Amino acid sequence: MTDITTTVNTYIDGWNEADPQRRRALVEQAYTADARYLDPHFAGEGTDGIDTMIAGVQEQFPGHRFELVDGPDAHHDRVRFTWHLNGPDGPVAVGTDFATVAGDGRLADVTGFLALPA
């Protein structure tokens, strides 16, 4: 079983990884094979769908990087954490993700909430 801090760091690393093979490996490490991801703008199911979704986000925001800024905060099989999507001039989005953690420590279901920085 992986500890939740390692899982969340791997999750963030996957969003930042531009190399398709390395990104796919990170997705497989962070998510269960049947995981789901949902936020107001994007959705993905299974490692194929989540990997494809992340690639699309990277195309839409070239040169941007995700940064973990708070958490993870976990109890039982739940976790939440906050991140920034940083562009050349600072954060372009702030998100808080809530997830269900599977028995092996990977993420089974992630729901993201997004806001624009003030």
N, C-alpha and C. Protein backbone atom coordinates (compact mmCIF):
# COMPACT_ATOMS: atom_id res chain seq x y z
N MET A 1 0.84 -1.19 0.00
CA MET A 1 0.00 0.00 0.00
C MET A 1 0.88 1.24 0.00
N THR A 2 0.55 2.19 -0.86
CA THR A 2 1.29 3.44 -0.98
C THR A 2 0.71 4.46 -0.02
N ASP A 3 1.57 5.29 0.59
CA ASP A 3 1.03 6.33 1.47
C ASP A 3 0.41 7.44 0.60
N ILE A 4 -0.56 8.15 1.16
CA ILE A 4 -1.35 9.10 0.37
C ILE A 4 -0.52 10.29 -0.11
N THR A 5 0.49 10.70 0.65
CA THR A 5 1.33 11.81 0.18
C THR A 5 2.06 11.42 -1.10
N THR A 6 2.59 10.21 -1.14
CA THR A 6 3.26 9.74 -2.36
C THR A 6 2.27 9.66 -3.52
N THR A 7 1.07 9.16 -3.28
CA THR A 7 0.06 9.06 -4.33
C THR A 7 -0.29 10.43 -4.88
N VAL A 8 -0.52 11.40 -4.00
CA VAL A 8 -0.90 12.75 -4.46
C VAL A 8 0.27 13.40 -5.20
N ASN A 9 1.49 13.22 -4.74
CA ASN A 9 2.64 13.77 -5.48
C ASN A 9 2.76 13.13 -6.86
N THR A 10 2.51 11.83 -6.95
CA THR A 10 2.55 11.14 -8.24
C THR A 10 1.44 11.66 -9.15
N TYR A 11 0.27 11.92 -8.58
CA TYR A 11 -0.87 12.50 -9.30
C TYR A 11 -0.46 13.84 -9.91
N ILE A 12 0.12 14.74 -9.11
CA ILE A 12 0.56 16.04 -9.60
C ILE A 12 1.65 15.86 -10.67
N ASP A 13 2.60 14.97 -10.43
CA ASP A 13 3.66 14.71 -11.41
C ASP A 13 3.08 14.26 -12.74
N GLY A 14 2.02 13.45 -12.70
CA GLY A 14 1.38 13.00 -13.93
C GLY A 14 0.79 14.15 -14.74
N TRP A 15 0.20 15.11 -14.06
CA TRP A 15 -0.36 16.28 -14.76
C TRP A 15 0.74 17.13 -15.39
N ASN A 16 1.95 17.07 -14.85
CA ASN A 16 3.06 17.88 -15.37
C ASN A 16 3.94 17.15 -16.38
N GLU A 17 3.81 15.86 -16.50
CA GLU A 17 4.71 15.07 -17.35
C GLU A 17 4.30 15.16 -18.80
N ALA A 18 5.20 15.70 -19.63
CA ALA A 18 4.91 15.87 -21.06
C ALA A 18 5.22 14.62 -21.88
N ASP A 19 6.16 13.81 -21.44
CA ASP A 19 6.49 12.60 -22.18
C ASP A 19 5.35 11.59 -22.03
N PRO A 20 4.71 11.18 -23.15
CA PRO A 20 3.53 10.31 -23.07
C PRO A 20 3.76 9.00 -22.32
N GLN A 21 4.90 8.36 -22.50
CA GLN A 21 5.13 7.08 -21.82
C GLN A 21 5.33 7.27 -20.32
N ARG A 22 6.08 8.30 -19.94
CA ARG A 22 6.28 8.56 -18.51
C ARG A 22 4.97 9.03 -17.87
N ARG A 23 4.18 9.85 -18.60
CA ARG A 23 2.90 10.30 -18.06
C ARG A 23 1.98 9.11 -17.83
N ARG A 24 1.91 8.20 -18.79
CA ARG A 24 1.06 7.02 -18.65
C ARG A 24 1.47 6.19 -17.44
N ALA A 25 2.78 6.02 -17.23
CA ALA A 25 3.25 5.25 -16.08
C ALA A 25 2.84 5.94 -14.77
N LEU A 26 2.90 7.25 -14.72
CA LEU A 26 2.48 7.98 -13.52
C LEU A 26 0.98 7.86 -13.29
N VAL A 27 0.20 7.92 -14.37
CA VAL A 27 -1.25 7.74 -14.25
C VAL A 27 -1.55 6.35 -13.67
N GLU A 28 -0.86 5.34 -14.17
CA GLU A 28 -1.08 3.98 -13.67
C GLU A 28 -0.66 3.84 -12.20
N GLN A 29 0.33 4.59 -11.78
CA GLN A 29 0.76 4.55 -10.38
C GLN A 29 -0.22 5.27 -9.46
N ALA A 30 -0.82 6.37 -9.94
CA ALA A 30 -1.66 7.21 -9.09
C ALA A 30 -3.12 6.77 -9.06
N TYR A 31 -3.62 6.18 -10.13
CA TYR A 31 -5.04 5.85 -10.26
C TYR A 31 -5.25 4.34 -10.40
N THR A 32 -6.38 3.86 -9.92
CA THR A 32 -6.77 2.48 -10.20
C THR A 32 -7.13 2.36 -11.68
N ALA A 33 -7.15 1.14 -12.19
CA ALA A 33 -7.44 0.92 -13.62
C ALA A 33 -8.83 1.41 -14.02
N ASP A 34 -9.77 1.41 -13.09
CA ASP A 34 -11.13 1.84 -13.40
C ASP A 34 -11.48 3.19 -12.76
N ALA A 35 -10.48 3.97 -12.45
CA ALA A 35 -10.69 5.26 -11.79
C ALA A 35 -11.49 6.21 -12.68
N ARG A 36 -12.10 7.18 -12.00
CA ARG A 36 -12.83 8.25 -12.71
C ARG A 36 -12.33 9.59 -12.22
N TYR A 37 -12.30 10.57 -13.15
CA TYR A 37 -11.94 11.95 -12.84
C TYR A 37 -13.03 12.85 -13.40
N LEU A 38 -13.43 13.85 -12.61
CA LEU A 38 -14.47 14.78 -13.06
C LEU A 38 -14.21 16.15 -12.45
N ASP A 39 -14.19 17.18 -13.29
CA ASP A 39 -14.19 18.57 -12.83
C ASP A 39 -15.14 19.34 -13.73
N PRO A 40 -15.33 20.63 -13.54
CA PRO A 40 -16.31 21.36 -14.35
C PRO A 40 -16.03 21.37 -15.85
N HIS A 41 -14.77 21.11 -16.25
CA HIS A 41 -14.41 21.22 -17.66
C HIS A 41 -13.94 19.92 -18.31
N PHE A 42 -13.49 18.98 -17.51
CA PHE A 42 -12.89 17.77 -18.05
C PHE A 42 -13.39 16.53 -17.31
N ALA A 43 -13.33 15.40 -18.01
CA ALA A 43 -13.69 14.12 -17.40
C ALA A 43 -12.87 13.03 -18.07
N GLY A 44 -12.57 12.00 -17.30
CA GLY A 44 -11.87 10.85 -17.85
C GLY A 44 -12.20 9.62 -17.04
N GLU A 45 -12.27 8.47 -17.73
CA GLU A 45 -12.55 7.21 -17.06
C GLU A 45 -11.50 6.19 -17.43
N GLY A 46 -11.00 5.49 -16.42
CA GLY A 46 -9.96 4.49 -16.62
C GLY A 46 -8.64 5.17 -16.94
N THR A 47 -7.58 4.40 -16.89
CA THR A 47 -6.27 4.99 -17.13
C THR A 47 -6.15 5.55 -18.55
N ASP A 48 -6.78 4.90 -19.53
CA ASP A 48 -6.73 5.44 -20.90
C ASP A 48 -7.41 6.80 -20.97
N GLY A 49 -8.61 6.89 -20.42
CA GLY A 49 -9.36 8.14 -20.49
C GLY A 49 -8.71 9.26 -19.70
N ILE A 50 -8.17 8.94 -18.54
CA ILE A 50 -7.51 9.97 -17.72
C ILE A 50 -6.23 10.44 -18.39
N ASP A 51 -5.45 9.51 -18.93
CA ASP A 51 -4.22 9.88 -19.64
C ASP A 51 -4.54 10.78 -20.83
N THR A 52 -5.55 10.43 -21.60
CA THR A 52 -5.95 11.25 -22.76
C THR A 52 -6.42 12.62 -22.31
N MET A 53 -7.17 12.68 -21.22
CA MET A 53 -7.66 13.95 -20.69
C MET A 53 -6.49 14.84 -20.29
N ILE A 54 -5.51 14.29 -19.57
CA ILE A 54 -4.35 15.08 -19.15
C ILE A 54 -3.59 15.60 -20.36
N ALA A 55 -3.41 14.77 -21.37
CA ALA A 55 -2.73 15.22 -22.60
C ALA A 55 -3.47 16.41 -23.22
N GLY A 56 -4.80 16.37 -23.20
CA GLY A 56 -5.60 17.47 -23.73
C GLY A 56 -5.43 18.75 -22.93
N VAL A 57 -5.36 18.63 -21.61
CA VAL A 57 -5.14 19.80 -20.76
C VAL A 57 -3.76 20.39 -21.05
N GLN A 58 -2.76 19.54 -21.21
CA GLN A 58 -1.41 20.02 -21.52
C GLN A 58 -1.38 20.75 -22.86
N GLU A 59 -2.14 20.26 -23.84
CA GLU A 59 -2.20 20.96 -25.13
C GLU A 59 -2.88 22.32 -24.99
N GLN A 60 -3.89 22.39 -24.16
CA GLN A 60 -4.63 23.63 -23.96
C GLN A 60 -3.83 24.66 -23.16
N PHE A 61 -2.94 24.19 -22.28
CA PHE A 61 -2.15 25.07 -21.42
C PHE A 61 -0.66 24.76 -21.54
N PRO A 62 -0.08 24.98 -22.73
CA PRO A 62 1.34 24.65 -22.90
C PRO A 62 2.22 25.50 -21.99
N GLY A 63 3.23 24.86 -21.42
CA GLY A 63 4.17 25.58 -20.57
C GLY A 63 3.68 25.84 -19.16
N HIS A 64 2.49 25.39 -18.83
CA HIS A 64 1.95 25.57 -17.48
C HIS A 64 2.32 24.36 -16.62
N ARG A 65 2.35 24.58 -15.30
CA ARG A 65 2.72 23.52 -14.37
C ARG A 65 1.75 23.51 -13.19
N PHE A 66 1.41 22.31 -12.76
CA PHE A 66 0.60 22.14 -11.56
C PHE A 66 1.53 22.10 -10.35
N GLU A 67 1.09 22.73 -9.25
CA GLU A 67 1.85 22.75 -8.02
C GLU A 67 0.93 22.44 -6.85
N LEU A 68 1.28 21.48 -6.05
CA LEU A 68 0.54 21.17 -4.85
C LEU A 68 0.79 22.28 -3.84
N VAL A 69 -0.29 22.90 -3.32
CA VAL A 69 -0.11 24.02 -2.39
C VAL A 69 -0.70 23.77 -1.01
N ASP A 70 -1.52 22.74 -0.86
CA ASP A 70 -2.07 22.42 0.45
C ASP A 70 -2.50 20.96 0.48
N GLY A 71 -2.14 20.28 1.56
CA GLY A 71 -2.51 18.89 1.72
C GLY A 71 -1.40 17.97 1.27
N PRO A 72 -1.72 16.73 1.20
CA PRO A 72 -3.05 16.14 1.31
C PRO A 72 -3.54 16.05 2.76
N ASP A 73 -4.85 16.15 2.88
CA ASP A 73 -5.54 15.98 4.14
C ASP A 73 -6.43 14.75 3.96
N ALA A 74 -6.19 13.71 4.76
CA ALA A 74 -6.88 12.44 4.52
C ALA A 74 -7.44 11.85 5.80
N HIS A 75 -8.53 11.14 5.64
CA HIS A 75 -9.05 10.27 6.69
C HIS A 75 -9.86 9.17 6.02
N HIS A 76 -9.90 8.02 6.68
CA HIS A 76 -10.56 6.83 6.15
C HIS A 76 -10.12 6.61 4.71
N ASP A 77 -11.04 6.56 3.78
CA ASP A 77 -10.68 6.37 2.37
C ASP A 77 -10.91 7.64 1.55
N ARG A 78 -10.77 8.80 2.19
CA ARG A 78 -11.00 10.09 1.53
C ARG A 78 -9.75 10.97 1.65
N VAL A 79 -9.55 11.81 0.63
CA VAL A 79 -8.43 12.75 0.65
C VAL A 79 -8.85 14.02 -0.09
N ARG A 80 -8.29 15.14 0.35
CA ARG A 80 -8.46 16.41 -0.37
C ARG A 80 -7.11 17.10 -0.41
N PHE A 81 -6.92 17.90 -1.45
CA PHE A 81 -5.69 18.66 -1.60
C PHE A 81 -5.95 19.81 -2.57
N THR A 82 -5.13 20.84 -2.46
CA THR A 82 -5.29 22.04 -3.28
C THR A 82 -4.04 22.24 -4.12
N TRP A 83 -4.26 22.70 -5.33
CA TRP A 83 -3.18 22.92 -6.28
C TRP A 83 -3.39 24.24 -7.02
N HIS A 84 -2.33 24.72 -7.61
CA HIS A 84 -2.37 25.86 -8.54
C HIS A 84 -1.91 25.37 -9.90
N LEU A 85 -2.52 25.89 -10.94
CA LEU A 85 -1.99 25.73 -12.29
C LEU A 85 -1.29 27.04 -12.61
N ASN A 86 0.04 26.99 -12.67
CA ASN A 86 0.85 28.18 -12.84
C ASN A 86 1.26 28.37 -14.29
N GLY A 87 1.06 29.60 -14.77
CA GLY A 87 1.54 30.01 -16.08
C GLY A 87 2.72 30.95 -15.90
N PRO A 88 3.17 31.56 -16.97
CA PRO A 88 4.32 32.46 -16.90
C PRO A 88 4.12 33.63 -15.93
N ASP A 89 2.88 34.07 -15.75
CA ASP A 89 2.59 35.22 -14.89
C ASP A 89 1.94 34.83 -13.57
N GLY A 90 2.05 33.57 -13.18
CA GLY A 90 1.49 33.12 -11.92
C GLY A 90 0.30 32.19 -12.14
N PRO A 91 -0.46 31.94 -11.07
CA PRO A 91 -1.58 30.99 -11.17
C PRO A 91 -2.67 31.46 -12.13
N VAL A 92 -3.12 30.54 -12.98
CA VAL A 92 -4.26 30.81 -13.86
C VAL A 92 -5.50 30.06 -13.39
N ALA A 93 -5.30 29.11 -12.48
CA ALA A 93 -6.42 28.39 -11.88
C ALA A 93 -5.97 27.84 -10.53
N VAL A 94 -6.93 27.74 -9.64
CA VAL A 94 -6.72 27.14 -8.33
C VAL A 94 -7.76 26.04 -8.20
N GLY A 95 -7.33 24.89 -7.75
CA GLY A 95 -8.27 23.78 -7.63
C GLY A 95 -8.14 23.06 -6.31
N THR A 96 -9.25 22.53 -5.86
CA THR A 96 -9.27 21.62 -4.73
C THR A 96 -9.88 20.32 -5.22
N ASP A 97 -9.15 19.26 -5.05
CA ASP A 97 -9.60 17.94 -5.47
C ASP A 97 -9.97 17.11 -4.25
N PHE A 98 -11.05 16.37 -4.38
CA PHE A 98 -11.50 15.42 -3.37
C PHE A 98 -11.47 14.05 -4.03
N ALA A 99 -10.95 13.06 -3.33
CA ALA A 99 -10.81 11.75 -3.95
C ALA A 99 -11.13 10.64 -2.96
N THR A 100 -11.54 9.51 -3.53
CA THR A 100 -11.68 8.27 -2.79
C THR A 100 -10.43 7.45 -3.05
N VAL A 101 -9.88 6.87 -2.00
CA VAL A 101 -8.64 6.11 -2.09
C VAL A 101 -8.97 4.62 -2.01
N ALA A 102 -8.44 3.87 -2.96
CA ALA A 102 -8.63 2.42 -2.99
C ALA A 102 -7.76 1.77 -1.92
N GLY A 103 -8.00 0.50 -1.68
CA GLY A 103 -7.25 -0.25 -0.68
C GLY A 103 -5.76 -0.30 -0.91
N ASP A 104 -5.34 -0.18 -2.17
CA ASP A 104 -3.90 -0.22 -2.49
C ASP A 104 -3.25 1.16 -2.43
N GLY A 105 -4.03 2.19 -2.04
CA GLY A 105 -3.48 3.53 -1.90
C GLY A 105 -3.59 4.40 -3.13
N ARG A 106 -4.10 3.85 -4.23
CA ARG A 106 -4.27 4.65 -5.44
C ARG A 106 -5.65 5.33 -5.42
N LEU A 107 -5.79 6.34 -6.26
CA LEU A 107 -7.03 7.10 -6.35
C LEU A 107 -8.05 6.35 -7.20
N ALA A 108 -9.26 6.21 -6.67
CA ALA A 108 -10.32 5.50 -7.39
C ALA A 108 -11.32 6.45 -8.03
N ASP A 109 -11.52 7.61 -7.44
CA ASP A 109 -12.51 8.56 -7.93
C ASP A 109 -12.08 9.95 -7.49
N VAL A 110 -11.88 10.86 -8.44
CA VAL A 110 -11.44 12.21 -8.13
C VAL A 110 -12.46 13.21 -8.65
N THR A 111 -12.83 14.15 -7.79
CA THR A 111 -13.71 15.25 -8.19
C THR A 111 -12.96 16.55 -7.92
N GLY A 112 -12.83 17.36 -8.96
CA GLY A 112 -12.10 18.61 -8.85
C GLY A 112 -13.03 19.82 -8.88
N PHE A 113 -12.70 20.79 -8.06
CA PHE A 113 -13.40 22.08 -8.04
C PHE A 113 -12.39 23.15 -8.38
N LEU A 114 -12.72 24.05 -9.33
CA LEU A 114 -11.77 25.02 -9.84
C LEU A 114 -12.25 26.44 -9.59
N ALA A 115 -11.29 27.35 -9.45
CA ALA A 115 -11.57 28.76 -9.33
C ALA A 115 -10.46 29.55 -10.01
N LEU A 116 -10.79 30.74 -10.45
CA LEU A 116 -9.78 31.63 -10.98
C LEU A 116 -9.20 32.41 -9.82
N PRO A 117 -7.89 32.66 -9.82
CA PRO A 117 -7.30 33.40 -8.69
C PRO A 117 -7.85 34.82 -8.64
N ALA A 118 -7.90 35.36 -7.43
CA ALA A 118 -8.43 36.72 -7.24
C ALA A 118 -7.44 37.77 -7.71
